PDB file of N, CA and C in Angstrom:
ATOM      1  N   MET A   1      -3.629  85.194  24.825  1.00  0.00           N
ATOM      2  CA  MET A   1      -2.266  84.765  23.735  1.00  0.00           C
ATOM      3  C   MET A   1      -2.497  83.729  22.623  1.00  0.00           C
ATOM      4  N   ALA A   2      -1.803  83.836  21.789  1.00  0.00           N
ATOM      5  CA  ALA A   2      -2.078  82.921  20.245  1.00  0.00           C
ATOM      6  C   ALA A   2      -1.948  81.604  20.632  1.00  0.00           C
ATOM      7  N   ASP A   3      -3.358  80.718  19.641  1.00  0.00           N
ATOM      8  CA  ASP A   3      -3.459  79.327  19.864  1.00  0.00           C
ATOM      9  C   ASP A   3      -3.024  78.651  18.351  1.00  0.00           C
ATOM     10  N   TYR A   4      -1.754  78.299  17.543  1.00  0.00           N
ATOM     11  CA  TYR A   4      -1.118  77.832  16.890  1.00  0.00           C
ATOM     12  C   TYR A   4      -0.606  76.574  16.845  1.00  0.00           C
ATOM     13  N   ALA A   5       0.268  76.569  15.836  1.00  0.00           N
ATOM     14  CA  ALA A   5       1.126  75.488  15.514  1.00  0.00           C
ATOM     15  C   ALA A   5       1.965  75.628  14.360  1.00  0.00           C
ATOM     16  N   ASP A   6       3.192  75.836  14.536  1.00  0.00           N
ATOM     17  CA  ASP A   6       4.419  76.367  13.702  1.00  0.00           C
ATOM     18  C   ASP A   6       4.690  75.269  13.055  1.00  0.00           C
ATOM     19  N   SER A   7       4.992  75.273  11.524  1.00  0.00           N
ATOM     20  CA  SER A   7       5.498  73.829  11.508  1.00  0.00           C
ATOM     21  C   SER A   7       6.611  74.112   9.800  1.00  0.00           C
ATOM     22  N   GLN A   8       7.467  73.244   9.476  1.00  0.00           N
ATOM     23  CA  GLN A   8       8.035  73.492   7.898  1.00  0.00           C
ATOM     24  C   GLN A   8       7.844  72.164   7.462  1.00  0.00           C
ATOM     25  N   TYR A   9       7.946  72.502   6.105  1.00  0.00           N
ATOM     26  CA  TYR A   9       8.295  71.468   4.792  1.00  0.00           C
ATOM     27  C   TYR A   9       8.857  72.127   3.919  1.00  0.00           C
ATOM     28  N   GLU A  10      10.149  70.857   3.788  1.00  0.00           N
ATOM     29  CA  GLU A  10      11.423  70.999   2.455  1.00  0.00           C
ATOM     30  C   GLU A  10      10.667  70.347   1.475  1.00  0.00           C
ATOM     31  N   SER A  11      11.531  70.426   0.826  1.00  0.00           N
ATOM     32  CA  SER A  11      10.447  69.879  -1.173  1.00  0.00           C
ATOM     33  C   SER A  11      11.894  69.178  -1.347  1.00  0.00           C
ATOM     34  N   HIS A  12      11.646  68.518  -2.664  1.00  0.00           N
ATOM     35  CA  HIS A  12      12.203  67.811  -3.359  1.00  0.00           C
ATOM     36  C   HIS A  12      14.431  68.769  -3.695  1.00  0.00           C
ATOM     37  N   ASP A  13      13.475  70.206  -4.166  1.00  0.00           N
ATOM     38  CA  ASP A  13      14.830  71.515  -4.566  1.00  0.00           C
ATOM     39  C   ASP A  13      15.899  71.838  -3.703  1.00  0.00           C
ATOM     40  N   GLY A  14      15.262  71.272  -2.414  1.00  0.00           N
ATOM     41  CA  GLY A  14      16.203  72.404  -0.973  1.00  0.00           C
ATOM     42  C   GLY A  14      14.504  73.770  -0.545  1.00  0.00           C
ATOM     43  N   LEU A  15      13.206  74.107  -1.170  1.00  0.00           N
ATOM     44  CA  LEU A  15      12.806  75.039  -1.068  1.00  0.00           C
ATOM     45  C   LEU A  15      11.824  74.554   0.891  1.00  0.00           C
ATOM     46  N   VAL A  16      12.501  76.211   1.612  1.00  0.00           N
ATOM     47  CA  VAL A  16      11.690  75.855   2.589  1.00  0.00           C
ATOM     48  C   VAL A  16      10.445  76.261   2.888  1.00  0.00           C
ATOM     49  N   LEU A  17       8.974  75.710   3.235  1.00  0.00           N
ATOM     50  CA  LEU A  17       8.451  76.536   3.195  1.00  0.00           C
ATOM     51  C   LEU A  17       7.754  76.425   4.810  1.00  0.00           C
ATOM     52  N   TYR A  18       7.081  77.762   5.314  1.00  0.00           N
ATOM     53  CA  TYR A  18       6.806  77.638   7.175  1.00  0.00           C
ATOM     54  C   TYR A  18       5.290  77.813   6.956  1.00  0.00           C
ATOM     55  N   ALA A  19       4.694  76.933   7.553  1.00  0.00           N
ATOM     56  CA  ALA A  19       2.980  77.702   8.297  1.00  0.00           C
ATOM     57  C   ALA A  19       2.831  77.559   9.951  1.00  0.00           C
ATOM     58  N   ARG A  20       1.355  78.938   9.803  1.00  0.00           N
ATOM     59  CA  ARG A  20       1.663  78.776  11.337  1.00  0.00           C
ATOM     60  C   ARG A  20      -0.466  78.898  11.342  1.00  0.00           C
ATOM     61  N   ASP A  21      -0.057  77.156  11.759  1.00  0.00           N
ATOM     62  CA  ASP A  21      -1.530  77.160  12.010  1.00  0.00           C
ATOM     63  C   ASP A  21      -2.617  77.437  12.971  1.00  0.00           C
ATOM     64  N   TYR A  22      -4.026  78.090  12.852  1.00  0.00           N
ATOM     65  CA  TYR A  22      -4.351  78.891  13.805  1.00  0.00           C
ATOM     66  C   TYR A  22      -5.325  77.987  14.906  1.00  0.00           C
ATOM     67  N   ALA A  23      -5.364  77.031  15.799  1.00  0.00           N
ATOM     68  CA  ALA A  23      -6.443  75.990  15.800  1.00  0.00           C
ATOM     69  C   ALA A  23      -7.562  76.336  16.353  1.00  0.00           C
ATOM     70  N   GLY A  24      -7.198  77.313  17.337  1.00  0.00           N
ATOM     71  CA  GLY A  24      -9.002  78.127  18.119  1.00  0.00           C
ATOM     72  C   GLY A  24      -8.782  77.294  19.363  1.00  0.00           C
ATOM     73  N   THR A  25      -9.333  76.119  18.784  1.00  0.00           N
ATOM     74  CA  THR A  25      -9.679  75.054  19.877  1.00  0.00           C
ATOM     75  C   THR A  25      -8.761  73.818  20.171  1.00  0.00           C
ATOM     76  N   GLY A  26      -7.532  74.229  19.957  1.00  0.00           N
ATOM     77  CA  GLY A  26      -6.526  74.099  20.621  1.00  0.00           C
ATOM     78  C   GLY A  26      -5.339  72.485  20.399  1.00  0.00           C
ATOM     79  N   HIS A  27      -6.971  72.177  18.549  1.00  0.00           N
ATOM     80  CA  HIS A  27      -6.304  71.132  17.843  1.00  0.00           C
ATOM     81  C   HIS A  27      -6.987  71.505  15.828  1.00  0.00           C
ATOM     82  N   ARG A  28      -6.591  70.419  15.341  1.00  0.00           N
ATOM     83  CA  ARG A  28      -6.299  70.586  13.872  1.00  0.00           C
ATOM     84  C   ARG A  28      -7.813  70.027  13.359  1.00  0.00           C
ATOM     85  N   ASP A  29      -8.720  70.799  13.214  1.00  0.00           N
ATOM     86  CA  ASP A  29      -9.812  70.249  12.820  1.00  0.00           C
ATOM     87  C   ASP A  29     -10.234  70.558  11.539  1.00  0.00           C
ATOM     88  N   THR A  30     -10.084  69.340  10.855  1.00  0.00           N
ATOM     89  CA  THR A  30     -10.006  69.495   9.516  1.00  0.00           C
ATOM     90  C   THR A  30     -11.786  69.896   8.860  1.00  0.00           C
ATOM     91  N   SER A  31     -12.308  69.673   9.999  1.00  0.00           N
ATOM     92  CA  SER A  31     -13.915  69.808   9.232  1.00  0.00           C
ATOM     93  C   SER A  31     -13.901  70.775   9.298  1.00  0.00           C
ATOM     94  N   ARG A  32     -13.664  72.403   9.188  1.00  0.00           N
ATOM     95  CA  ARG A  32     -13.821  73.324   9.373  1.00  0.00           C
ATOM     96  C   ARG A  32     -13.321  74.278   7.788  1.00  0.00           C
ATOM     97  N   PRO A  33     -13.955  75.054   7.863  1.00  0.00           N
ATOM     98  CA  PRO A  33     -13.458  75.845   6.280  1.00  0.00           C
ATOM     99  C   PRO A  33     -12.360  76.468   6.646  1.00  0.00           C
ATOM    100  N   ALA A  34     -11.165  76.275   5.026  1.00  0.00           N
ATOM    101  CA  ALA A  34     -10.414  76.985   5.833  1.00  0.00           C
ATOM    102  C   ALA A  34      -9.970  78.559   5.146  1.00  0.00           C
ATOM    103  N   ILE A  35      -8.975  78.957   5.835  1.00  0.00           N
ATOM    104  CA  ILE A  35      -8.789  80.270   5.126  1.00  0.00           C
ATOM    105  C   ILE A  35      -7.303  80.363   5.237  1.00  0.00           C
ATOM    106  N   VAL A  36      -6.622  80.524   4.211  1.00  0.00           N
ATOM    107  CA  VAL A  36      -5.134  80.663   3.623  1.00  0.00           C
ATOM    108  C   VAL A  36      -4.205  82.350   3.231  1.00  0.00           C
ATOM    109  N   CYS A  37      -3.117  82.663   4.507  1.00  0.00           N
ATOM    110  CA  CYS A  37      -3.092  83.536   4.350  1.00  0.00           C
ATOM    111  C   CYS A  37      -2.587  83.641   3.637  1.00  0.00           C
ATOM    112  N   LEU A  38      -1.547  85.122   2.721  1.00  0.00           N
ATOM    113  CA  LEU A  38       0.226  85.066   2.895  1.00  0.00           C
ATOM    114  C   LEU A  38       0.362  86.848   3.189  1.00  0.00           C
ATOM    115  N   SER A  39       1.173  86.466   4.369  1.00  0.00           N
ATOM    116  CA  SER A  39       1.559  87.599   4.435  1.00  0.00           C
ATOM    117  C   SER A  39       2.112  87.935   4.300  1.00  0.00           C
ATOM    118  N   GLY A  40       2.902  88.361   3.013  1.00  0.00           N
ATOM    119  CA  GLY A  40       3.561  88.398   2.409  1.00  0.00           C
ATOM    120  C   GLY A  40       5.063  89.287   2.147  1.00  0.00           C
ATOM    121  N   LEU A  41       5.627  90.154   1.318  1.00  0.00           N
ATOM    122  CA  LEU A  41       6.891  90.515   1.436  1.00  0.00           C
ATOM    123  C   LEU A  41       7.701  90.887   2.295  1.00  0.00           C
ATOM    124  N   THR A  42       6.591  92.260   2.740  1.00  0.00           N
ATOM    125  CA  THR A  42       7.206  92.910   4.280  1.00  0.00           C
ATOM    126  C   THR A  42       6.240  92.619   5.380  1.00  0.00           C
ATOM    127  N   GLY A  43       5.180  91.231   5.877  1.00  0.00           N
ATOM    128  CA  GLY A  43       4.494  90.875   6.947  1.00  0.00           C
ATOM    129  C   GLY A  43       5.517  89.571   7.350  1.00  0.00           C
ATOM    130  N   THR A  44       5.084  88.870   8.380  1.00  0.00           N
ATOM    131  CA  THR A  44       5.103  87.864   9.217  1.00  0.00           C
ATOM    132  C   THR A  44       3.550  87.199  10.238  1.00  0.00           C
ATOM    133  N   SER A  45       4.260  85.993   9.785  1.00  0.00           N
ATOM    134  CA  SER A  45       2.981  85.639  10.576  1.00  0.00           C
ATOM    135  C   SER A  45       1.719  86.278  11.899  1.00  0.00           C
ATOM    136  N   ALA A  46       3.182  86.545  12.195  1.00  0.00           N
ATOM    137  CA  ALA A  46       2.577  87.161  13.439  1.00  0.00           C
ATOM    138  C   ALA A  46       1.925  88.659  13.059  1.00  0.00           C
ATOM    139  N   SER A  47       1.984  89.104  12.230  1.00  0.00           N
ATOM    140  CA  SER A  47       1.261  90.875  11.925  1.00  0.00           C
ATOM    141  C   SER A  47      -0.132  89.288  11.551  1.00  0.00           C
ATOM    142  N   LEU A  48      -0.328  88.838  11.334  1.00  0.00           N
ATOM    143  CA  LEU A  48      -1.833  88.284  11.503  1.00  0.00           C
ATOM    144  C   LEU A  48      -2.371  88.006  12.839  1.00  0.00           C
ATOM    145  N   GLU A  49      -2.068  87.592  13.320  1.00  0.00           N
ATOM    146  CA  GLU A  49      -2.658  87.048  14.552  1.00  0.00           C
ATOM    147  C   GLU A  49      -4.040  87.890  14.947  1.00  0.00           C
ATOM    148  N   ASP A  50      -3.626  89.306  14.759  1.00  0.00           N
ATOM    149  CA  ASP A  50      -5.037  89.742  14.939  1.00  0.00           C
ATOM    150  C   ASP A  50      -6.261  89.385  14.406  1.00  0.00           C
ATOM    151  N   LEU A  51      -6.620  89.445  12.938  1.00  0.00           N
ATOM    152  CA  LEU A  51      -6.988  89.029  12.439  1.00  0.00           C
ATOM    153  C   LEU A  51      -7.387  87.501  12.300  1.00  0.00           C
ATOM    154  N   ALA A  52      -6.624  86.361  12.220  1.00  0.00           N
ATOM    155  CA  ALA A  52      -6.488  84.895  12.884  1.00  0.00           C
ATOM    156  C   ALA A  52      -7.314  84.300  14.000  1.00  0.00           C
ATOM    157  N   ASN A  53      -6.881  85.015  14.977  1.00  0.00           N
ATOM    158  CA  ASN A  53      -7.464  84.767  16.641  1.00  0.00           C
ATOM    159  C   ASN A  53      -9.064  84.684  16.714  1.00  0.00           C
ATOM    160  N   PRO A  54      -9.337  85.369  16.353  1.00  0.00           N
ATOM    161  CA  PRO A  54     -10.884  85.466  16.173  1.00  0.00           C
ATOM    162  C   PRO A  54     -11.768  84.670  14.946  1.00  0.00           C
ATOM    163  N   LEU A  55     -11.085  84.360  13.943  1.00  0.00           N
ATOM    164  CA  LEU A  55     -12.157  83.929  13.022  1.00  0.00           C
ATOM    165  C   LEU A  55     -11.481  82.424  13.285  1.00  0.00           C
ATOM    166  N   ALA A  56     -10.142  81.845  14.558  1.00  0.00           N
ATOM    167  CA  ALA A  56     -10.314  80.681  14.968  1.00  0.00           C
ATOM    168  C   ALA A  56     -11.445  79.832  15.327  1.00  0.00           C
ATOM    169  N   SER A  57     -12.276  80.200  16.033  1.00  0.00           N
ATOM    170  CA  SER A  57     -13.701  79.358  16.244  1.00  0.00           C
ATOM    171  C   SER A  57     -13.900  79.002  15.121  1.00  0.00           C
ATOM    172  N   ASP A  58     -14.259  79.767  14.083  1.00  0.00           N
ATOM    173  CA  ASP A  58     -14.810  78.577  13.040  1.00  0.00           C
ATOM    174  C   ASP A  58     -14.402  78.273  11.815  1.00  0.00           C
ATOM    175  N   TYR A  59     -13.081  78.890  11.827  1.00  0.00           N
ATOM    176  CA  TYR A  59     -12.257  78.109  10.786  1.00  0.00           C
ATOM    177  C   TYR A  59     -10.929  78.087  10.755  1.00  0.00           C
ATOM    178  N   ARG A  60     -10.606  77.075  10.386  1.00  0.00           N
ATOM    179  CA  ARG A  60      -8.857  77.229  10.073  1.00  0.00           C
ATOM    180  C   ARG A  60      -8.112  77.922   9.408  1.00  0.00           C
ATOM    181  N   CYS A  61      -7.530  79.020  10.524  1.00  0.00           N
ATOM    182  CA  CYS A  61      -7.032  79.690   9.732  1.00  0.00           C
ATOM    183  C   CYS A  61      -5.129  79.420   9.732  1.00  0.00           C
ATOM    184  N   THR A  62      -4.329  79.392   8.356  1.00  0.00           N
ATOM    185  CA  THR A  62      -3.319  79.468   8.406  1.00  0.00           C
ATOM    186  C   THR A  62      -2.766  79.860   7.584  1.00  0.00           C
ATOM    187  N   ASP A  63      -1.173  80.723   7.986  1.00  0.00           N
ATOM    188  CA  ASP A  63      -0.801  81.459   6.875  1.00  0.00           C
ATOM    189  C   ASP A  63       0.528  80.745   6.422  1.00  0.00           C
ATOM    190  N   ALA A  64       1.077  80.313   5.456  1.00  0.00           N
ATOM    191  CA  ALA A  64       1.834  80.247   4.223  1.00  0.00           C
ATOM    192  C   ALA A  64       2.922  81.335   4.305  1.00  0.00           C
ATOM    193  N   SER A  65       4.051  80.656   4.237  1.00  0.00           N
ATOM    194  CA  SER A  65       5.711  82.114   4.389  1.00  0.00           C
ATOM    195  C   SER A  65       6.816  80.913   3.527  1.00  0.00           C
ATOM    196  N   ARG A  66       7.398  81.696   2.948  1.00  0.00           N
ATOM    197  CA  ARG A  66       8.884  80.766   2.422  1.00  0.00           C
ATOM    198  C   ARG A  66       9.853  81.456   3.940  1.00  0.00           C
ATOM    199  N   THR A  67      10.593  80.239   4.008  1.00  0.00           N
ATOM    200  CA  THR A  67      11.658  80.724   4.884  1.00  0.00           C
ATOM    201  C   THR A  67      12.841  81.388   4.294  1.00  0.00           C
ATOM    202  N   TYR A  68      13.653  82.327   4.699  1.00  0.00           N
ATOM    203  CA  TYR A  68      15.192  82.967   4.244  1.00  0.00           C
ATOM    204  C   TYR A  68      15.572  82.399   5.547  1.00  0.00           C
ATOM    205  N   GLY A  69      17.146  81.558   4.805  1.00  0.00           N
ATOM    206  CA  GLY A  69      18.265  82.097   6.359  1.00  0.00           C
ATOM    207  C   GLY A  69      18.980  81.584   5.307  1.00  0.00           C
TER     208      GLY A  69
END
């Protein structure tokens, strides 16, 4: 089971960004080194779970992407 938190940020010009933060230990530990993944045009945050979950115990893994709607 994935351990992550979803969040969104909307800029002043209306651009909405989505992020999935793989917490690993269940909390956002900002003292760990960060890895930022970009899922790209054809991927989704879910496609990175196999990579992010094992790394989340030592790193703060975050996937960021633009939302479309």
